[in-house]
Amino acid sequence: MLKNIYKWHRYTSLIIALPVILWAISGFMHPIMTSFRPAIATQFLMPRPIDTSKLTVTLQQALRQNKIDTLQQFRIVCIDTHYFYQVVVNAGKPALYLSATTGEHLHNGDALYAQYLAKQFLQGQRTTKNDVVQPTTTDANCCDAATACILYDTVGASVASVDYTTTYTNEYKIINRLLPVYKVAFKRNDGIRVYVQTHTDKFAYAVDD
């Protein structure tokens, strides 16, 4: 009887030891996996103070100018030195960007802002406009200036494509948790893709080839 008890104890110990060993191996794998992650400059962007002197058009005026009657949420975002009201009209849809200087609607603003964020995560947060080569512009056409700041940026890697993602995929898995996000692909040898969420300024994920 005692011999059978020892035998079953040994079997039970082996069964219990297996998940413990696997758990330990998983712990050793984490630093190894971390060393293979794509190299990005930062996963967090420091908030910038808002220059209220540049908010010459109120949110209400900008909404009326663009015939927007209802909205889900809004906040103020900055692209280079230009401020916009980021307005979410329909949850799950790209936000609209209304100039806080003129009330003008920034065409394709959410995708542009996604590129602006992704490049800062990849290359480092900018503190001045001197990092960007752009055409001569004035505050009267701040939407053109913001667009030029992004599309004509010659610092670092250029953008290959921008895709709006509302579902998890084989590349962007549910473990990343944030949706919707933009996938911003860069023209680099490693084909790096940076996922960002524009209405929270959050880094979601990065992967390369």
N, C-alpha and C. Protein backbone atom coordinates (compact mmCIF):
# COMPACT_ATOMS: atom_id res chain seq x y z
N MET A 1 0.83 -1.21 0.00
CA MET A 1 0.00 0.00 0.00
C MET A 1 0.87 1.27 0.00
N LEU A 2 1.87 1.27 0.88
CA LEU A 2 2.76 2.42 0.96
C LEU A 2 3.54 2.61 -0.33
N LYS A 3 3.89 1.48 -0.96
CA LYS A 3 4.62 1.53 -2.22
C LYS A 3 3.77 2.19 -3.31
N ASN A 4 2.47 1.87 -3.35
CA ASN A 4 1.57 2.47 -4.34
C ASN A 4 1.40 3.99 -4.10
N ILE A 5 1.36 4.35 -2.82
CA ILE A 5 1.23 5.78 -2.49
C ILE A 5 2.44 6.55 -2.99
N TYR A 6 3.65 6.00 -2.78
CA TYR A 6 4.87 6.65 -3.26
C TYR A 6 4.87 6.76 -4.79
N LYS A 7 4.37 5.71 -5.44
CA LYS A 7 4.35 5.70 -6.90
C LYS A 7 3.42 6.80 -7.43
N TRP A 8 2.21 6.89 -6.86
CA TRP A 8 1.27 7.92 -7.31
C TRP A 8 1.75 9.33 -6.94
N HIS A 9 2.47 9.40 -5.83
CA HIS A 9 3.04 10.69 -5.45
C HIS A 9 4.06 11.16 -6.48
N ARG A 10 4.86 10.21 -6.96
CA ARG A 10 5.86 10.54 -7.96
C ARG A 10 5.21 10.99 -9.26
N TYR A 11 4.17 10.26 -9.70
CA TYR A 11 3.46 10.63 -10.92
C TYR A 11 2.81 12.01 -10.80
N THR A 12 2.19 12.24 -9.66
CA THR A 12 1.54 13.53 -9.43
C THR A 12 2.56 14.66 -9.43
N SER A 13 3.72 14.41 -8.85
CA SER A 13 4.77 15.43 -8.81
C SER A 13 5.25 15.79 -10.21
N LEU A 14 5.36 14.75 -11.05
CA LEU A 14 5.79 15.00 -12.43
C LEU A 14 4.76 15.84 -13.19
N ILE A 15 3.47 15.53 -12.96
CA ILE A 15 2.40 16.28 -13.63
C ILE A 15 2.40 17.74 -13.18
N ILE A 16 2.59 17.96 -11.88
CA ILE A 16 2.61 19.33 -11.35
C ILE A 16 3.87 20.07 -11.79
N ALA A 17 4.98 19.35 -11.91
CA ALA A 17 6.25 19.99 -12.26
C ALA A 17 6.26 20.52 -13.69
N LEU A 18 5.50 19.86 -14.58
CA LEU A 18 5.53 20.25 -15.99
C LEU A 18 5.09 21.71 -16.20
N PRO A 19 3.90 22.15 -15.70
CA PRO A 19 3.55 23.57 -15.90
C PRO A 19 4.51 24.54 -15.20
N VAL A 20 5.10 24.12 -14.07
CA VAL A 20 6.06 24.97 -13.37
C VAL A 20 7.30 25.18 -14.23
N ILE A 21 7.76 24.10 -14.87
CA ILE A 21 8.93 24.19 -15.76
C ILE A 21 8.62 25.08 -16.96
N LEU A 22 7.43 24.90 -17.54
CA LEU A 22 7.04 25.72 -18.68
C LEU A 22 6.94 27.19 -18.29
N TRP A 23 6.40 27.45 -17.09
CA TRP A 23 6.29 28.82 -16.60
C TRP A 23 7.68 29.46 -16.44
N ALA A 24 8.63 28.66 -15.92
CA ALA A 24 9.99 29.15 -15.74
C ALA A 24 10.66 29.44 -17.09
N ILE A 25 10.43 28.54 -18.07
CA ILE A 25 10.99 28.76 -19.40
C ILE A 25 10.42 30.03 -20.02
N SER A 26 9.11 30.24 -19.81
CA SER A 26 8.47 31.46 -20.33
C SER A 26 9.13 32.70 -19.76
N GLY A 27 9.46 32.66 -18.45
CA GLY A 27 10.12 33.80 -17.82
C GLY A 27 11.48 34.07 -18.44
N PHE A 28 12.24 33.03 -18.75
CA PHE A 28 13.54 33.21 -19.39
C PHE A 28 13.39 33.73 -20.82
N MET A 29 12.26 33.42 -21.48
CA MET A 29 12.06 33.82 -22.87
C MET A 29 11.79 35.31 -23.01
N HIS A 30 11.21 35.94 -21.98
CA HIS A 30 10.81 37.34 -22.10
C HIS A 30 11.97 38.27 -22.45
N PRO A 31 13.11 38.23 -21.74
CA PRO A 31 14.21 39.12 -22.14
C PRO A 31 14.76 38.79 -23.52
N ILE A 32 14.69 37.52 -23.91
CA ILE A 32 15.16 37.14 -25.25
C ILE A 32 14.23 37.73 -26.30
N MET A 33 12.91 37.61 -26.06
CA MET A 33 11.93 38.16 -27.00
C MET A 33 12.04 39.67 -27.10
N THR A 34 12.29 40.32 -25.96
CA THR A 34 12.41 41.77 -25.94
C THR A 34 13.55 42.26 -26.82
N SER A 35 14.64 41.50 -26.85
CA SER A 35 15.80 41.90 -27.64
C SER A 35 15.53 41.86 -29.13
N PHE A 36 14.46 41.17 -29.55
CA PHE A 36 14.13 41.07 -30.97
C PHE A 36 13.02 42.03 -31.38
N ARG A 37 12.52 42.86 -30.45
CA ARG A 37 11.48 43.81 -30.81
C ARG A 37 12.02 44.90 -31.72
N PRO A 38 11.17 45.44 -32.58
CA PRO A 38 11.63 46.55 -33.44
C PRO A 38 12.14 47.71 -32.60
N ALA A 39 13.17 48.36 -33.08
CA ALA A 39 13.76 49.49 -32.35
C ALA A 39 12.96 50.75 -32.65
N ILE A 40 12.27 51.29 -31.65
CA ILE A 40 11.58 52.55 -31.77
C ILE A 40 12.09 53.49 -30.69
N ALA A 41 11.95 54.78 -30.94
CA ALA A 41 12.54 55.76 -30.02
C ALA A 41 11.79 55.84 -28.69
N THR A 42 10.46 55.76 -28.73
CA THR A 42 9.68 55.89 -27.50
C THR A 42 8.31 55.27 -27.67
N GLN A 43 7.70 54.90 -26.56
CA GLN A 43 6.33 54.42 -26.57
C GLN A 43 5.38 55.41 -25.90
N PHE A 44 5.94 56.53 -25.45
CA PHE A 44 5.13 57.55 -24.77
C PHE A 44 5.52 58.93 -25.27
N LEU A 45 4.53 59.77 -25.50
CA LEU A 45 4.77 61.15 -25.90
C LEU A 45 4.41 62.07 -24.76
N MET A 46 5.31 62.98 -24.45
CA MET A 46 5.05 63.95 -23.39
C MET A 46 4.00 64.96 -23.85
N PRO A 47 3.01 65.26 -23.03
CA PRO A 47 2.02 66.26 -23.42
C PRO A 47 2.64 67.64 -23.56
N ARG A 48 2.14 68.39 -24.54
CA ARG A 48 2.65 69.73 -24.79
C ARG A 48 1.63 70.75 -24.30
N PRO A 49 2.11 71.84 -23.67
CA PRO A 49 1.17 72.88 -23.23
C PRO A 49 0.50 73.54 -24.43
N ILE A 50 -0.76 73.93 -24.24
CA ILE A 50 -1.53 74.56 -25.31
C ILE A 50 -1.35 76.07 -25.27
N ASP A 51 -0.99 76.66 -26.40
CA ASP A 51 -0.87 78.11 -26.53
C ASP A 51 -2.27 78.66 -26.84
N THR A 52 -2.97 79.10 -25.82
CA THR A 52 -4.36 79.53 -25.99
C THR A 52 -4.50 80.76 -26.89
N SER A 53 -3.42 81.49 -27.08
CA SER A 53 -3.49 82.67 -27.96
C SER A 53 -3.75 82.27 -29.41
N LYS A 54 -3.47 81.01 -29.74
CA LYS A 54 -3.67 80.55 -31.10
C LYS A 54 -5.06 79.95 -31.33
N LEU A 55 -5.86 79.88 -30.26
CA LEU A 55 -7.23 79.35 -30.40
C LEU A 55 -8.16 80.52 -30.68
N THR A 56 -8.07 81.03 -31.89
CA THR A 56 -8.82 82.25 -32.25
C THR A 56 -10.25 81.94 -32.70
N VAL A 57 -10.54 80.69 -33.00
CA VAL A 57 -11.88 80.26 -33.35
C VAL A 57 -12.35 79.27 -32.30
N THR A 58 -13.53 79.49 -31.73
CA THR A 58 -14.05 78.59 -30.69
C THR A 58 -14.54 77.29 -31.32
N LEU A 59 -14.68 76.29 -30.49
CA LEU A 59 -15.21 75.01 -30.98
C LEU A 59 -16.60 75.20 -31.57
N GLN A 60 -17.45 75.96 -30.89
CA GLN A 60 -18.81 76.18 -31.39
C GLN A 60 -18.80 76.83 -32.77
N GLN A 61 -17.92 77.81 -32.96
CA GLN A 61 -17.82 78.47 -34.27
C GLN A 61 -17.35 77.50 -35.35
N ALA A 62 -16.36 76.68 -35.01
CA ALA A 62 -15.84 75.71 -35.98
C ALA A 62 -16.90 74.68 -36.35
N LEU A 63 -17.67 74.23 -35.36
CA LEU A 63 -18.74 73.26 -35.63
C LEU A 63 -19.81 73.87 -36.54
N ARG A 64 -20.22 75.10 -36.25
CA ARG A 64 -21.22 75.77 -37.09
C ARG A 64 -20.70 75.97 -38.51
N GLN A 65 -19.43 76.36 -38.61
CA GLN A 65 -18.84 76.61 -39.92
C GLN A 65 -18.84 75.35 -40.79
N ASN A 66 -18.71 74.19 -40.14
CA ASN A 66 -18.66 72.92 -40.88
C ASN A 66 -19.98 72.15 -40.80
N LYS A 67 -21.04 72.82 -40.31
CA LYS A 67 -22.39 72.25 -40.26
C LYS A 67 -22.42 70.92 -39.49
N ILE A 68 -21.77 70.90 -38.35
CA ILE A 68 -21.76 69.73 -37.46
C ILE A 68 -22.67 70.03 -36.28
N ASP A 69 -23.72 69.23 -36.13
CA ASP A 69 -24.72 69.49 -35.09
C ASP A 69 -24.46 68.70 -33.81
N THR A 70 -23.90 67.51 -33.94
CA THR A 70 -23.68 66.65 -32.77
C THR A 70 -22.27 66.06 -32.82
N LEU A 71 -21.76 65.70 -31.67
CA LEU A 71 -20.45 65.07 -31.59
C LEU A 71 -20.40 64.15 -30.38
N GLN A 72 -19.50 63.17 -30.44
CA GLN A 72 -19.31 62.22 -29.34
C GLN A 72 -18.30 62.77 -28.33
N GLN A 73 -17.20 63.29 -28.84
CA GLN A 73 -16.16 63.85 -27.97
C GLN A 73 -15.26 64.76 -28.79
N PHE A 74 -14.47 65.56 -28.08
CA PHE A 74 -13.51 66.41 -28.78
C PHE A 74 -12.33 66.67 -27.85
N ARG A 75 -11.24 67.09 -28.42
CA ARG A 75 -10.07 67.57 -27.68
C ARG A 75 -9.24 68.42 -28.61
N ILE A 76 -8.24 69.08 -28.08
CA ILE A 76 -7.36 69.94 -28.87
C ILE A 76 -6.06 69.20 -29.12
N VAL A 77 -5.64 69.12 -30.37
CA VAL A 77 -4.37 68.48 -30.73
C VAL A 77 -3.52 69.49 -31.49
N CYS A 78 -2.23 69.22 -31.49
CA CYS A 78 -1.27 70.12 -32.15
C CYS A 78 -0.48 69.34 -33.20
N ILE A 79 -0.44 69.87 -34.40
CA ILE A 79 0.40 69.33 -35.47
C ILE A 79 1.43 70.40 -35.81
N ASP A 80 2.68 70.11 -35.47
CA ASP A 80 3.76 71.10 -35.57
C ASP A 80 3.41 72.27 -34.66
N THR A 81 3.05 73.43 -35.20
CA THR A 81 2.68 74.58 -34.36
C THR A 81 1.22 74.97 -34.56
N HIS A 82 0.43 74.10 -35.16
CA HIS A 82 -0.94 74.42 -35.53
C HIS A 82 -1.93 73.59 -34.70
N TYR A 83 -2.94 74.26 -34.16
CA TYR A 83 -3.90 73.61 -33.28
C TYR A 83 -5.19 73.29 -34.02
N PHE A 84 -5.74 72.13 -33.67
CA PHE A 84 -6.99 71.66 -34.28
C PHE A 84 -7.90 71.10 -33.19
N TYR A 85 -9.21 71.26 -33.42
CA TYR A 85 -10.19 70.54 -32.62
C TYR A 85 -10.37 69.16 -33.25
N GLN A 86 -10.01 68.14 -32.50
CA GLN A 86 -10.21 66.77 -32.96
C GLN A 86 -11.62 66.35 -32.52
N VAL A 87 -12.51 66.20 -33.48
CA VAL A 87 -13.93 65.98 -33.19
C VAL A 87 -14.34 64.59 -33.64
N VAL A 88 -14.84 63.79 -32.70
CA VAL A 88 -15.38 62.47 -33.03
C VAL A 88 -16.89 62.61 -33.16
N VAL A 89 -17.39 62.46 -34.38
CA VAL A 89 -18.83 62.58 -34.63
C VAL A 89 -19.50 61.23 -34.44
N ASN A 90 -18.89 60.16 -34.98
CA ASN A 90 -19.42 58.81 -34.84
C ASN A 90 -18.34 57.91 -34.25
N ALA A 91 -18.68 57.23 -33.17
CA ALA A 91 -17.72 56.33 -32.53
C ALA A 91 -17.31 55.24 -33.52
N GLY A 92 -16.02 54.94 -33.55
CA GLY A 92 -15.52 53.92 -34.46
C GLY A 92 -15.18 54.44 -35.84
N LYS A 93 -15.47 55.73 -36.11
CA LYS A 93 -15.12 56.35 -37.38
C LYS A 93 -13.97 57.33 -37.18
N PRO A 94 -13.18 57.60 -38.22
CA PRO A 94 -12.09 58.57 -38.08
C PRO A 94 -12.59 59.93 -37.62
N ALA A 95 -11.81 60.57 -36.77
CA ALA A 95 -12.17 61.89 -36.25
C ALA A 95 -12.01 62.95 -37.33
N LEU A 96 -12.71 64.07 -37.13
CA LEU A 96 -12.55 65.24 -37.98
C LEU A 96 -11.62 66.24 -37.29
N TYR A 97 -10.90 67.03 -38.08
CA TYR A 97 -9.96 68.00 -37.54
C TYR A 97 -10.33 69.38 -38.06
N LEU A 98 -10.71 70.26 -37.13
CA LEU A 98 -11.14 71.61 -37.46
C LEU A 98 -10.12 72.60 -36.92
N SER A 99 -9.63 73.47 -37.76
CA SER A 99 -8.60 74.42 -37.36
C SER A 99 -9.10 75.33 -36.25
N ALA A 100 -8.29 75.47 -35.21
CA ALA A 100 -8.63 76.39 -34.11
C ALA A 100 -8.26 77.82 -34.47
N THR A 101 -7.70 78.02 -35.66
CA THR A 101 -7.34 79.36 -36.12
C THR A 101 -8.35 79.90 -37.13
N THR A 102 -8.80 79.02 -38.04
CA THR A 102 -9.70 79.47 -39.11
C THR A 102 -11.03 78.73 -39.11
N GLY A 103 -11.12 77.61 -38.40
CA GLY A 103 -12.33 76.79 -38.45
C GLY A 103 -12.36 75.85 -39.64
N GLU A 104 -11.35 75.92 -40.50
CA GLU A 104 -11.30 75.11 -41.72
C GLU A 104 -11.14 73.63 -41.37
N HIS A 105 -11.75 72.78 -42.20
CA HIS A 105 -11.65 71.33 -42.04
C HIS A 105 -10.37 70.82 -42.67
N LEU A 106 -9.57 70.09 -41.90
CA LEU A 106 -8.32 69.50 -42.41
C LEU A 106 -8.66 68.21 -43.14
N HIS A 107 -8.48 68.21 -44.45
CA HIS A 107 -8.81 67.03 -45.27
C HIS A 107 -7.94 65.84 -44.89
N ASN A 108 -8.60 64.70 -44.68
CA ASN A 108 -7.89 63.46 -44.33
C ASN A 108 -7.07 63.64 -43.04
N GLY A 109 -7.61 64.45 -42.14
CA GLY A 109 -6.86 64.84 -40.95
C GLY A 109 -6.46 63.70 -40.03
N ASP A 110 -7.35 62.72 -39.84
CA ASP A 110 -7.04 61.64 -38.90
C ASP A 110 -5.87 60.80 -39.39
N ALA A 111 -5.84 60.51 -40.68
CA ALA A 111 -4.73 59.74 -41.25
C ALA A 111 -3.43 60.53 -41.20
N LEU A 112 -3.53 61.85 -41.44
CA LEU A 112 -2.34 62.70 -41.34
C LEU A 112 -1.80 62.71 -39.91
N TYR A 113 -2.71 62.84 -38.95
CA TYR A 113 -2.29 62.87 -37.55
C TYR A 113 -1.69 61.53 -37.13
N ALA A 114 -2.21 60.43 -37.68
CA ALA A 114 -1.64 59.11 -37.40
C ALA A 114 -0.19 59.04 -37.86
N GLN A 115 0.10 59.60 -39.04
CA GLN A 115 1.47 59.63 -39.54
C GLN A 115 2.36 60.47 -38.62
N TYR A 116 1.81 61.60 -38.20
CA TYR A 116 2.55 62.51 -37.32
C TYR A 116 2.93 61.82 -36.02
N LEU A 117 1.98 61.09 -35.43
CA LEU A 117 2.25 60.37 -34.19
C LEU A 117 3.22 59.23 -34.41
N ALA A 118 2.98 58.43 -35.45
CA ALA A 118 3.81 57.24 -35.69
C ALA A 118 5.27 57.62 -35.89
N LYS A 119 5.51 58.72 -36.58
CA LYS A 119 6.89 59.13 -36.83
C LYS A 119 7.59 59.56 -35.54
N GLN A 120 6.83 60.17 -34.63
CA GLN A 120 7.43 60.56 -33.34
C GLN A 120 7.73 59.34 -32.48
N PHE A 121 6.85 58.34 -32.50
CA PHE A 121 7.14 57.11 -31.77
C PHE A 121 8.37 56.42 -32.35
N LEU A 122 8.46 56.43 -33.65
CA LEU A 122 9.57 55.73 -34.32
C LEU A 122 10.89 56.46 -34.16
N GLN A 123 10.88 57.79 -34.29
CA GLN A 123 12.12 58.56 -34.38
C GLN A 123 12.38 59.47 -33.19
N GLY A 124 11.40 59.68 -32.34
CA GLY A 124 11.58 60.55 -31.19
C GLY A 124 10.68 61.77 -31.28
N GLN A 125 10.23 62.24 -30.13
CA GLN A 125 9.32 63.37 -30.08
C GLN A 125 10.02 64.66 -30.43
N ARG A 126 9.37 65.47 -31.24
CA ARG A 126 9.94 66.75 -31.64
C ARG A 126 9.48 67.85 -30.71
N THR A 127 10.36 68.82 -30.51
CA THR A 127 10.01 69.93 -29.63
C THR A 127 9.92 71.26 -30.38
N THR A 128 10.47 71.31 -31.59
CA THR A 128 10.42 72.56 -32.37
C THR A 128 10.06 72.25 -33.80
N LYS A 129 9.63 73.27 -34.51
CA LYS A 129 9.29 73.11 -35.92
C LYS A 129 10.53 73.10 -36.81
N ASN A 130 11.70 73.36 -36.23
CA ASN A 130 12.92 73.42 -37.03
C ASN A 130 13.36 72.06 -37.54
N ASP A 131 12.77 71.00 -36.96
CA ASP A 131 13.12 69.66 -37.41
C ASP A 131 12.47 69.31 -38.75
N VAL A 132 11.52 70.12 -39.18
CA VAL A 132 10.73 69.79 -40.35
C VAL A 132 10.99 70.77 -41.47
N VAL A 133 11.22 70.27 -42.67
CA VAL A 133 11.38 71.13 -43.83
C VAL A 133 10.01 71.28 -44.47
N GLN A 134 9.51 72.50 -44.59
CA GLN A 134 8.17 72.70 -45.14
C GLN A 134 8.13 74.01 -45.92
N PRO A 135 7.15 74.13 -46.83
CA PRO A 135 7.02 75.36 -47.61
C PRO A 135 6.64 76.54 -46.73
N THR A 136 6.85 77.75 -47.24
CA THR A 136 6.45 78.95 -46.50
C THR A 136 4.93 79.02 -46.43
N THR A 137 4.40 79.17 -45.20
CA THR A 137 2.96 79.21 -45.00
C THR A 137 2.64 80.27 -43.98
N THR A 138 1.36 80.59 -43.86
CA THR A 138 0.90 81.53 -42.86
C THR A 138 -0.21 80.89 -42.06
N ASP A 139 -0.61 81.54 -40.95
CA ASP A 139 -1.69 81.01 -40.14
C ASP A 139 -3.00 80.98 -40.90
N ALA A 140 -3.12 81.78 -41.96
CA ALA A 140 -4.36 81.82 -42.72
C ALA A 140 -4.63 80.51 -43.44
N ASN A 141 -3.60 79.75 -43.75
CA ASN A 141 -3.79 78.45 -44.37
C ASN A 141 -3.10 77.38 -43.54
N CYS A 142 -3.49 77.32 -42.26
CA CYS A 142 -2.83 76.39 -41.34
C CYS A 142 -3.07 74.95 -41.72
N CYS A 143 -4.19 74.64 -42.40
CA CYS A 143 -4.44 73.26 -42.83
C CYS A 143 -3.39 72.85 -43.87
N ASP A 144 -3.07 73.76 -44.79
CA ASP A 144 -2.02 73.48 -45.77
C ASP A 144 -0.67 73.31 -45.08
N ALA A 145 -0.43 74.15 -44.06
CA ALA A 145 0.84 74.08 -43.35
C ALA A 145 0.98 72.75 -42.60
N ALA A 146 -0.10 72.32 -41.94
CA ALA A 146 -0.05 71.06 -41.20
C ALA A 146 0.13 69.88 -42.15
N THR A 147 -0.57 69.93 -43.28
CA THR A 147 -0.43 68.86 -44.28
C THR A 147 0.99 68.80 -44.82
N ALA A 148 1.55 69.98 -45.14
CA ALA A 148 2.92 70.04 -45.67
C ALA A 148 3.92 69.55 -44.64
N CYS A 149 3.69 69.89 -43.38
CA CYS A 149 4.58 69.46 -42.30
C CYS A 149 4.73 67.96 -42.28
N ILE A 150 3.65 67.24 -42.61
CA ILE A 150 3.65 65.78 -42.56
C ILE A 150 4.09 65.17 -43.89
N LEU A 151 3.50 65.63 -44.97
CA LEU A 151 3.74 65.00 -46.27
C LEU A 151 5.11 65.34 -46.84
N TYR A 152 5.66 66.51 -46.47
CA TYR A 152 6.96 66.91 -47.00
C TYR A 152 8.08 66.79 -45.97
N ASP A 153 7.83 66.01 -44.95
CA ASP A 153 8.84 65.81 -43.91
C ASP A 153 9.96 64.93 -44.46
N THR A 154 11.17 65.45 -44.47
CA THR A 154 12.31 64.72 -45.04
C THR A 154 13.21 64.12 -43.95
N VAL A 155 12.82 64.26 -42.70
CA VAL A 155 13.63 63.73 -41.61
C VAL A 155 13.28 62.26 -41.39
N GLY A 156 14.29 61.39 -41.49
CA GLY A 156 14.08 59.98 -41.22
C GLY A 156 13.34 59.28 -42.35
N ALA A 157 12.70 58.16 -42.00
CA ALA A 157 12.02 57.32 -42.98
C ALA A 157 10.73 57.97 -43.44
N SER A 158 10.40 57.78 -44.71
CA SER A 158 9.14 58.28 -45.24
C SER A 158 8.05 57.22 -45.10
N VAL A 159 6.81 57.66 -45.17
CA VAL A 159 5.67 56.77 -44.96
C VAL A 159 5.31 56.07 -46.26
N ALA A 160 5.10 54.76 -46.18
CA ALA A 160 4.72 53.98 -47.36
C ALA A 160 3.21 53.87 -47.50
N SER A 161 2.50 53.68 -46.38
CA SER A 161 1.05 53.54 -46.44
C SER A 161 0.45 53.78 -45.06
N VAL A 162 -0.84 54.12 -45.06
CA VAL A 162 -1.58 54.34 -43.82
C VAL A 162 -2.92 53.62 -43.93
N ASP A 163 -3.21 52.74 -42.99
CA ASP A 163 -4.45 51.97 -43.04
C ASP A 163 -5.20 52.08 -41.71
N TYR A 164 -6.51 52.34 -41.81
CA TYR A 164 -7.38 52.43 -40.64
C TYR A 164 -7.85 51.02 -40.29
N THR A 165 -7.63 50.61 -39.05
CA THR A 165 -7.91 49.24 -38.62
C THR A 165 -8.94 49.23 -37.50
N THR A 166 -10.05 48.54 -37.73
CA THR A 166 -11.11 48.46 -36.72
C THR A 166 -11.27 47.05 -36.15
N THR A 167 -10.50 46.09 -36.66
CA THR A 167 -10.57 44.70 -36.17
C THR A 167 -9.17 44.17 -35.95
N TYR A 168 -9.08 43.13 -35.15
CA TYR A 168 -7.79 42.48 -34.93
C TYR A 168 -7.46 41.60 -36.13
N THR A 169 -6.17 41.47 -36.40
CA THR A 169 -5.71 40.71 -37.57
C THR A 169 -4.64 39.72 -37.14
N ASN A 170 -4.13 38.97 -38.12
CA ASN A 170 -3.04 38.03 -37.82
C ASN A 170 -1.79 38.76 -37.35
N GLU A 171 -1.62 40.01 -37.79
CA GLU A 171 -0.46 40.79 -37.36
C GLU A 171 -0.76 41.58 -36.10
N TYR A 172 -1.91 42.24 -36.08
CA TYR A 172 -2.31 43.04 -34.92
C TYR A 172 -3.33 42.24 -34.12
N LYS A 173 -2.84 41.56 -33.08
CA LYS A 173 -3.65 40.58 -32.36
C LYS A 173 -4.40 41.21 -31.19
N ILE A 174 -5.34 40.46 -30.66
CA ILE A 174 -6.23 40.96 -29.60
C ILE A 174 -5.46 41.33 -28.33
N ILE A 175 -4.27 40.78 -28.14
CA ILE A 175 -3.47 41.09 -26.95
C ILE A 175 -3.09 42.57 -26.91
N ASN A 176 -3.11 43.24 -28.06
CA ASN A 176 -2.75 44.66 -28.11
C ASN A 176 -3.87 45.57 -27.62
N ARG A 177 -5.10 45.07 -27.62
CA ARG A 177 -6.25 45.66 -26.93
C ARG A 177 -6.83 46.93 -27.53
N LEU A 178 -6.02 47.81 -28.11
CA LEU A 178 -6.54 49.10 -28.58
C LEU A 178 -7.18 48.99 -29.97
N LEU A 179 -8.38 49.51 -30.11
CA LEU A 179 -9.08 49.64 -31.38
C LEU A 179 -9.99 50.85 -31.29
N PRO A 180 -10.23 51.55 -32.40
CA PRO A 180 -9.55 51.41 -33.69
C PRO A 180 -8.16 52.01 -33.65
N VAL A 181 -7.32 51.59 -34.59
CA VAL A 181 -5.95 52.11 -34.68
C VAL A 181 -5.60 52.33 -36.15
N TYR A 182 -4.51 53.04 -36.37
CA TYR A 182 -3.95 53.19 -37.71
C TYR A 182 -2.65 52.39 -37.79
N LYS A 183 -2.49 51.67 -38.90
CA LYS A 183 -1.22 51.01 -39.19
C LYS A 183 -0.45 51.90 -40.16
N VAL A 184 0.69 52.41 -39.69
CA VAL A 184 1.52 53.29 -40.51
C VAL A 184 2.78 52.52 -40.89
N ALA A 185 2.91 52.23 -42.19
CA ALA A 185 4.08 51.49 -42.68
C ALA A 185 5.11 52.48 -43.22
N PHE A 186 6.38 52.19 -42.94
CA PHE A 186 7.47 53.09 -43.34
C PHE A 186 8.34 52.44 -44.41
N LYS A 187 8.92 53.30 -45.25
CA LYS A 187 9.82 52.84 -46.31
C LYS A 187 11.22 52.65 -45.72
N ARG A 188 11.39 51.51 -45.11
CA ARG A 188 12.70 51.14 -44.55
C ARG A 188 13.01 49.71 -44.96
N ASN A 189 14.26 49.33 -44.84
CA ASN A 189 14.66 47.98 -45.23
C ASN A 189 13.95 46.91 -44.40
N ASP A 190 13.62 47.25 -43.15
CA ASP A 190 12.94 46.26 -42.30
C ASP A 190 11.42 46.31 -42.44
N GLY A 191 10.90 47.24 -43.26
CA GLY A 191 9.46 47.31 -43.49
C GLY A 191 8.65 47.54 -42.23
N ILE A 192 9.14 48.33 -41.30
CA ILE A 192 8.49 48.49 -40.00
C ILE A 192 7.09 49.09 -40.14
N ARG A 193 6.16 48.57 -39.31
CA ARG A 193 4.80 49.09 -39.22
C ARG A 193 4.55 49.51 -37.78
N VAL A 194 4.04 50.72 -37.61
CA VAL A 194 3.75 51.25 -36.27
C VAL A 194 2.24 51.48 -36.17
N TYR A 195 1.64 50.92 -35.13
CA TYR A 195 0.20 51.07 -34.90
C TYR A 195 -0.01 52.14 -33.83
N VAL A 196 -0.89 53.10 -34.12
CA VAL A 196 -1.16 54.19 -33.18
C VAL A 196 -2.67 54.42 -33.08
N GLN A 197 -3.08 54.95 -31.94
CA GLN A 197 -4.47 55.34 -31.75
C GLN A 197 -4.53 56.86 -31.66
N THR A 198 -5.22 57.47 -32.60
CA THR A 198 -5.17 58.93 -32.73
C THR A 198 -5.96 59.67 -31.66
N HIS A 199 -7.07 59.10 -31.17
CA HIS A 199 -7.87 59.87 -30.22
C HIS A 199 -7.35 59.77 -28.78
N THR A 200 -6.25 59.01 -28.59
CA THR A 200 -5.62 58.97 -27.27
C THR A 200 -4.11 59.26 -27.35
N ASP A 201 -3.59 59.42 -28.57
CA ASP A 201 -2.14 59.62 -28.78
C ASP A 201 -1.32 58.44 -28.25
N LYS A 202 -1.88 57.24 -28.29
CA LYS A 202 -1.20 56.08 -27.72
C LYS A 202 -0.49 55.25 -28.78
N PHE A 203 0.68 54.74 -28.38
CA PHE A 203 1.38 53.72 -29.17
C PHE A 203 0.71 52.38 -28.90
N ALA A 204 0.38 51.64 -29.94
CA ALA A 204 -0.29 50.35 -29.77
C ALA A 204 0.64 49.17 -30.02
N TYR A 205 1.45 49.24 -31.07
CA TYR A 205 2.22 48.06 -31.45
C TYR A 205 3.21 48.44 -32.55
N ALA A 206 4.31 47.72 -32.65
CA ALA A 206 5.24 47.90 -33.75
C ALA A 206 5.75 46.53 -34.17
N VAL A 207 5.91 46.33 -35.47
CA VAL A 207 6.40 45.05 -35.98
C VAL A 207 7.16 45.32 -37.27
N ASP A 208 8.20 44.53 -37.52
CA ASP A 208 8.93 44.66 -38.77
C ASP A 208 9.04 43.29 -39.44
N ASP A 209 9.77 43.26 -40.54
CA ASP A 209 9.87 42.01 -41.31
C ASP A 209 10.80 40.99 -40.67
